[in-house]
């Protein structure tokens, strides 16, 4: 579970690095780029250990699928809570397709 926890923390940082500046459109682009890079550095401080330690339990494909699921969950919360966007039914349908990917990647065939 440490891998999933670290991936979650890293994705929170990366989501803010990529999308947090959208609430500050009055700021010069160069400032938000520098701020985003600073936040992204923190993301790497969690992502790199997550992948290194996680690679002892999971294949790299499994790690990537976990990361994508975590990313979507974090982004969903971010878009609803921070950006005040509405969650729509087609988003849920897309997430179900991602969960199908999890099934196929983690199923022992």
N, C-alpha and C. Protein backbone atom coordinates (compact mmCIF):
# COMPACT_ATOMS: atom_id res chain seq x y z
N UNK A 1 0.81 -1.21 0.00
CA UNK A 1 0.00 0.00 0.00
C UNK A 1 0.85 1.27 0.00
N UNK A 2 2.11 1.17 0.42
CA UNK A 2 2.96 2.34 0.43
C UNK A 2 3.12 2.91 -0.98
N UNK A 3 3.17 2.02 -1.96
CA UNK A 3 3.30 2.47 -3.35
C UNK A 3 2.09 3.30 -3.76
N UNK A 4 0.90 2.81 -3.44
CA UNK A 4 -0.32 3.53 -3.80
C UNK A 4 -0.40 4.85 -3.05
N UNK A 5 -0.02 4.87 -1.80
CA UNK A 5 -0.02 6.10 -1.02
C UNK A 5 0.94 7.13 -1.62
N UNK A 6 2.16 6.70 -1.93
CA UNK A 6 3.14 7.61 -2.54
C UNK A 6 2.67 8.10 -3.91
N UNK A 7 2.07 7.21 -4.69
CA UNK A 7 1.54 7.63 -5.99
C UNK A 7 0.41 8.64 -5.83
N UNK A 8 -0.40 8.47 -4.81
CA UNK A 8 -1.49 9.41 -4.56
C UNK A 8 -0.95 10.79 -4.19
N UNK A 9 0.01 10.82 -3.27
CA UNK A 9 0.60 12.10 -2.88
C UNK A 9 1.27 12.77 -4.08
N UNK A 10 2.02 12.00 -4.85
CA UNK A 10 2.70 12.58 -6.01
C UNK A 10 1.69 13.13 -7.02
N UNK A 11 0.58 12.43 -7.19
CA UNK A 11 -0.43 12.90 -8.14
C UNK A 11 -1.16 14.14 -7.66
N UNK A 12 -1.31 14.30 -6.36
CA UNK A 12 -1.89 15.54 -5.84
C UNK A 12 -0.98 16.71 -6.23
N UNK A 13 0.33 16.55 -5.99
CA UNK A 13 1.26 17.61 -6.36
C UNK A 13 1.24 17.87 -7.87
N UNK A 14 1.26 16.82 -8.66
CA UNK A 14 1.33 17.01 -10.10
C UNK A 14 0.05 17.62 -10.65
N UNK A 15 -1.08 17.26 -10.09
CA UNK A 15 -2.34 17.85 -10.54
C UNK A 15 -2.34 19.35 -10.27
N UNK A 16 -1.84 19.76 -9.10
CA UNK A 16 -1.74 21.19 -8.83
C UNK A 16 -0.71 21.86 -9.73
N UNK A 17 0.37 21.17 -10.03
CA UNK A 17 1.38 21.74 -10.93
C UNK A 17 0.81 21.97 -12.32
N UNK A 18 0.02 21.02 -12.81
CA UNK A 18 -0.51 21.12 -14.16
C UNK A 18 -1.74 22.01 -14.27
N UNK A 19 -2.62 21.96 -13.26
CA UNK A 19 -3.91 22.62 -13.40
C UNK A 19 -4.22 23.68 -12.34
N UNK A 20 -3.45 23.74 -11.27
CA UNK A 20 -3.74 24.69 -10.20
C UNK A 20 -3.67 26.14 -10.64
N UNK A 21 -2.82 26.43 -11.59
CA UNK A 21 -2.66 27.81 -12.07
C UNK A 21 -3.86 28.32 -12.83
N UNK A 22 -4.80 27.45 -13.19
CA UNK A 22 -5.96 27.89 -13.95
C UNK A 22 -6.84 28.86 -13.16
N UNK A 23 -6.68 28.88 -11.84
CA UNK A 23 -7.40 29.85 -11.01
C UNK A 23 -6.65 31.19 -10.94
N UNK A 24 -5.47 31.25 -11.52
CA UNK A 24 -4.64 32.45 -11.45
C UNK A 24 -4.27 32.94 -12.84
N UNK A 25 -5.27 33.09 -13.69
CA UNK A 25 -5.02 33.48 -15.08
C UNK A 25 -4.52 34.91 -15.22
N UNK A 26 -4.60 35.68 -14.15
CA UNK A 26 -4.11 37.06 -14.19
C UNK A 26 -2.59 37.13 -13.96
N UNK A 27 -1.98 36.03 -13.54
CA UNK A 27 -0.54 36.00 -13.30
C UNK A 27 0.21 35.79 -14.61
N UNK A 28 1.39 36.37 -14.73
CA UNK A 28 2.20 36.15 -15.95
C UNK A 28 2.54 34.66 -16.11
N UNK A 29 2.60 34.24 -17.34
CA UNK A 29 2.85 32.84 -17.64
C UNK A 29 4.17 32.35 -17.05
N UNK A 30 5.21 33.15 -17.11
CA UNK A 30 6.51 32.72 -16.61
C UNK A 30 6.47 32.44 -15.10
N UNK A 31 5.65 33.17 -14.36
CA UNK A 31 5.52 32.93 -12.92
C UNK A 31 4.84 31.59 -12.66
N UNK A 32 3.75 31.31 -13.38
CA UNK A 32 3.06 30.04 -13.15
C UNK A 32 3.89 28.86 -13.63
N UNK A 33 4.72 29.08 -14.65
CA UNK A 33 5.61 28.00 -15.09
C UNK A 33 6.63 27.68 -13.99
N UNK A 34 7.24 28.71 -13.42
CA UNK A 34 8.21 28.48 -12.34
C UNK A 34 7.54 27.85 -11.12
N UNK A 35 6.36 28.32 -10.77
CA UNK A 35 5.64 27.74 -9.63
C UNK A 35 5.30 26.28 -9.91
N UNK A 36 4.87 26.00 -11.13
CA UNK A 36 4.53 24.62 -11.50
C UNK A 36 5.75 23.71 -11.44
N UNK A 37 6.90 24.21 -11.86
CA UNK A 37 8.13 23.41 -11.79
C UNK A 37 8.49 23.11 -10.34
N UNK A 38 8.32 24.08 -9.48
CA UNK A 38 8.59 23.86 -8.05
C UNK A 38 7.68 22.80 -7.46
N UNK A 39 6.41 22.85 -7.83
CA UNK A 39 5.46 21.85 -7.35
C UNK A 39 5.79 20.49 -7.94
N UNK A 40 6.17 20.46 -9.22
CA UNK A 40 6.51 19.21 -9.88
C UNK A 40 7.73 18.55 -9.24
N UNK A 41 8.66 19.35 -8.73
CA UNK A 41 9.81 18.78 -8.02
C UNK A 41 9.32 17.96 -6.82
N UNK A 42 8.37 18.49 -6.08
CA UNK A 42 7.81 17.75 -4.95
C UNK A 42 7.14 16.46 -5.42
N UNK A 43 6.48 16.54 -6.57
CA UNK A 43 5.85 15.34 -7.13
C UNK A 43 6.88 14.25 -7.38
N UNK A 44 8.03 14.62 -7.93
CA UNK A 44 9.08 13.65 -8.21
C UNK A 44 9.64 13.03 -6.93
N UNK A 45 9.64 13.80 -5.85
CA UNK A 45 10.15 13.29 -4.56
C UNK A 45 9.29 12.15 -4.03
N UNK A 46 8.05 12.04 -4.50
CA UNK A 46 7.18 10.94 -4.12
C UNK A 46 7.05 9.88 -5.22
N UNK A 47 7.07 10.33 -6.48
CA UNK A 47 6.88 9.40 -7.60
C UNK A 47 8.06 8.45 -7.77
N UNK A 48 9.26 8.97 -7.67
CA UNK A 48 10.44 8.12 -7.89
C UNK A 48 10.51 7.00 -6.85
N UNK A 49 10.37 7.28 -5.55
CA UNK A 49 10.37 6.17 -4.58
C UNK A 49 9.19 5.22 -4.78
N UNK A 50 8.05 5.76 -5.16
CA UNK A 50 6.88 4.89 -5.39
C UNK A 50 7.18 3.88 -6.48
N UNK A 51 7.77 4.34 -7.57
CA UNK A 51 8.08 3.43 -8.67
C UNK A 51 9.24 2.50 -8.34
N UNK A 52 10.24 3.00 -7.63
CA UNK A 52 11.38 2.15 -7.28
C UNK A 52 10.93 1.03 -6.34
N UNK A 53 10.24 1.40 -5.26
CA UNK A 53 9.79 0.39 -4.29
C UNK A 53 8.67 -0.47 -4.87
N UNK A 54 7.80 0.16 -5.65
CA UNK A 54 6.70 -0.58 -6.25
C UNK A 54 7.16 -1.62 -7.25
N UNK A 55 8.31 -1.37 -7.88
CA UNK A 55 8.80 -2.32 -8.89
C UNK A 55 9.24 -3.65 -8.28
N UNK A 56 9.35 -3.70 -6.96
CA UNK A 56 9.66 -4.98 -6.33
C UNK A 56 8.42 -5.85 -6.17
N UNK A 57 7.23 -5.24 -6.29
CA UNK A 57 5.97 -5.98 -6.13
C UNK A 57 5.19 -6.09 -7.43
N UNK A 58 5.35 -5.09 -8.30
CA UNK A 58 4.52 -5.00 -9.50
C UNK A 58 5.40 -4.92 -10.73
N UNK A 59 4.83 -5.30 -11.87
CA UNK A 59 5.52 -5.06 -13.13
C UNK A 59 5.40 -3.57 -13.46
N UNK A 60 6.21 -3.10 -14.38
CA UNK A 60 6.11 -1.69 -14.75
C UNK A 60 4.75 -1.37 -15.37
N UNK A 61 4.19 -2.30 -16.10
CA UNK A 61 2.85 -2.10 -16.66
C UNK A 61 1.82 -1.97 -15.56
N UNK A 62 1.91 -2.82 -14.56
CA UNK A 62 0.98 -2.74 -13.43
C UNK A 62 1.16 -1.41 -12.69
N UNK A 63 2.40 -0.98 -12.50
CA UNK A 63 2.65 0.31 -11.86
C UNK A 63 2.01 1.45 -12.65
N UNK A 64 2.14 1.40 -13.95
CA UNK A 64 1.58 2.47 -14.79
C UNK A 64 0.06 2.48 -14.71
N UNK A 65 -0.56 1.32 -14.71
CA UNK A 65 -2.01 1.26 -14.61
C UNK A 65 -2.48 1.78 -13.25
N UNK A 66 -1.78 1.40 -12.19
CA UNK A 66 -2.10 1.93 -10.86
C UNK A 66 -2.00 3.45 -10.88
N UNK A 67 -0.92 3.95 -11.46
CA UNK A 67 -0.70 5.39 -11.51
C UNK A 67 -1.80 6.09 -12.28
N UNK A 68 -2.25 5.53 -13.37
CA UNK A 68 -3.32 6.15 -14.16
C UNK A 68 -4.64 6.17 -13.39
N UNK A 69 -4.95 5.10 -12.69
CA UNK A 69 -6.17 5.07 -11.89
C UNK A 69 -6.10 6.11 -10.78
N UNK A 70 -4.97 6.16 -10.09
CA UNK A 70 -4.79 7.16 -9.03
C UNK A 70 -4.90 8.56 -9.61
N UNK A 71 -4.27 8.80 -10.76
CA UNK A 71 -4.33 10.11 -11.40
C UNK A 71 -5.76 10.53 -11.68
N UNK A 72 -6.55 9.62 -12.22
CA UNK A 72 -7.94 9.96 -12.53
C UNK A 72 -8.76 10.22 -11.27
N UNK A 73 -8.52 9.45 -10.23
CA UNK A 73 -9.24 9.68 -8.98
C UNK A 73 -8.86 11.03 -8.37
N UNK A 74 -7.58 11.32 -8.34
CA UNK A 74 -7.12 12.60 -7.80
C UNK A 74 -7.66 13.75 -8.64
N UNK A 75 -7.57 13.62 -9.96
CA UNK A 75 -8.04 14.70 -10.82
C UNK A 75 -9.54 14.90 -10.68
N UNK A 76 -10.28 13.83 -10.54
CA UNK A 76 -11.73 13.94 -10.37
C UNK A 76 -12.04 14.78 -9.13
N UNK A 77 -11.41 14.43 -8.01
CA UNK A 77 -11.61 15.21 -6.79
C UNK A 77 -11.17 16.65 -6.96
N UNK A 78 -10.04 16.86 -7.61
CA UNK A 78 -9.50 18.20 -7.84
C UNK A 78 -10.46 19.04 -8.67
N UNK A 79 -10.95 18.46 -9.75
CA UNK A 79 -11.82 19.24 -10.64
C UNK A 79 -13.14 19.60 -9.97
N UNK A 80 -13.63 18.72 -9.12
CA UNK A 80 -14.89 19.00 -8.42
C UNK A 80 -14.67 19.99 -7.27
N UNK A 81 -13.67 19.72 -6.42
CA UNK A 81 -13.47 20.51 -5.21
C UNK A 81 -12.73 21.83 -5.45
N UNK A 82 -11.72 21.82 -6.30
CA UNK A 82 -10.89 23.01 -6.50
C UNK A 82 -11.38 23.87 -7.66
N UNK A 83 -11.64 23.23 -8.80
CA UNK A 83 -12.07 23.99 -9.98
C UNK A 83 -13.58 24.16 -10.06
N UNK A 84 -14.32 23.48 -9.17
CA UNK A 84 -15.79 23.58 -9.09
C UNK A 84 -16.46 23.14 -10.38
N UNK A 85 -15.91 22.11 -11.01
CA UNK A 85 -16.53 21.56 -12.22
C UNK A 85 -17.50 20.46 -11.84
N UNK A 86 -18.45 20.23 -12.70
CA UNK A 86 -19.47 19.22 -12.45
C UNK A 86 -19.00 17.85 -12.94
N UNK A 87 -19.25 16.81 -12.15
CA UNK A 87 -18.95 15.44 -12.57
C UNK A 87 -20.09 14.95 -13.45
N UNK A 88 -19.79 14.37 -14.57
CA UNK A 88 -20.81 13.96 -15.53
C UNK A 88 -20.84 12.44 -15.70
N UNK A 89 -21.94 11.95 -16.19
CA UNK A 89 -22.13 10.51 -16.33
C UNK A 89 -21.09 9.90 -17.26
N UNK A 90 -20.72 10.61 -18.33
CA UNK A 90 -19.76 10.04 -19.29
C UNK A 90 -18.36 9.93 -18.68
N UNK A 91 -18.05 10.76 -17.67
CA UNK A 91 -16.79 10.61 -16.95
C UNK A 91 -16.79 9.28 -16.20
N UNK A 92 -17.91 9.00 -15.55
CA UNK A 92 -18.05 7.73 -14.82
C UNK A 92 -17.93 6.55 -15.78
N UNK A 93 -18.52 6.65 -16.94
CA UNK A 93 -18.43 5.57 -17.94
C UNK A 93 -16.98 5.37 -18.37
N UNK A 94 -16.26 6.45 -18.57
CA UNK A 94 -14.84 6.35 -18.93
C UNK A 94 -14.03 5.70 -17.82
N UNK A 95 -14.32 6.06 -16.58
CA UNK A 95 -13.61 5.48 -15.45
C UNK A 95 -13.88 3.98 -15.35
N UNK A 96 -15.08 3.57 -15.68
CA UNK A 96 -15.38 2.13 -15.68
C UNK A 96 -14.54 1.40 -16.72
N UNK A 97 -14.30 2.04 -17.84
CA UNK A 97 -13.42 1.44 -18.85
C UNK A 97 -12.00 1.30 -18.31
N UNK A 98 -11.53 2.30 -17.56
CA UNK A 98 -10.20 2.22 -16.95
C UNK A 98 -10.16 1.07 -15.95
N UNK A 99 -11.23 0.89 -15.19
CA UNK A 99 -11.27 -0.22 -14.24
C UNK A 99 -11.22 -1.56 -14.96
N UNK A 100 -11.80 -1.63 -16.15
CA UNK A 100 -11.68 -2.85 -16.95
C UNK A 100 -10.21 -3.10 -17.30
N UNK A 101 -9.47 -2.04 -17.58
CA UNK A 101 -8.04 -2.18 -17.86
C UNK A 101 -7.31 -2.74 -16.65
N UNK A 102 -7.68 -2.27 -15.47
CA UNK A 102 -7.08 -2.79 -14.23
C UNK A 102 -7.33 -4.30 -14.14
N UNK A 103 -8.54 -4.71 -14.40
CA UNK A 103 -8.87 -6.14 -14.36
C UNK A 103 -7.97 -6.94 -15.30
N UNK A 104 -7.85 -6.50 -16.54
CA UNK A 104 -7.08 -7.25 -17.51
C UNK A 104 -5.58 -7.25 -17.20
N UNK A 105 -5.07 -6.17 -16.65
CA UNK A 105 -3.63 -6.09 -16.35
C UNK A 105 -3.28 -6.93 -15.12
N UNK A 106 -4.16 -6.96 -14.12
CA UNK A 106 -3.83 -7.65 -12.88
C UNK A 106 -4.35 -9.08 -12.81
N UNK A 107 -5.20 -9.49 -13.71
CA UNK A 107 -5.73 -10.86 -13.74
C UNK A 107 -4.62 -11.84 -14.06
N UNK A 108 -4.53 -12.90 -13.26
CA UNK A 108 -3.57 -13.97 -13.55
C UNK A 108 -4.15 -14.88 -14.62
N UNK A 109 -3.59 -14.83 -15.81
CA UNK A 109 -4.12 -15.63 -16.92
C UNK A 109 -3.39 -16.93 -17.04
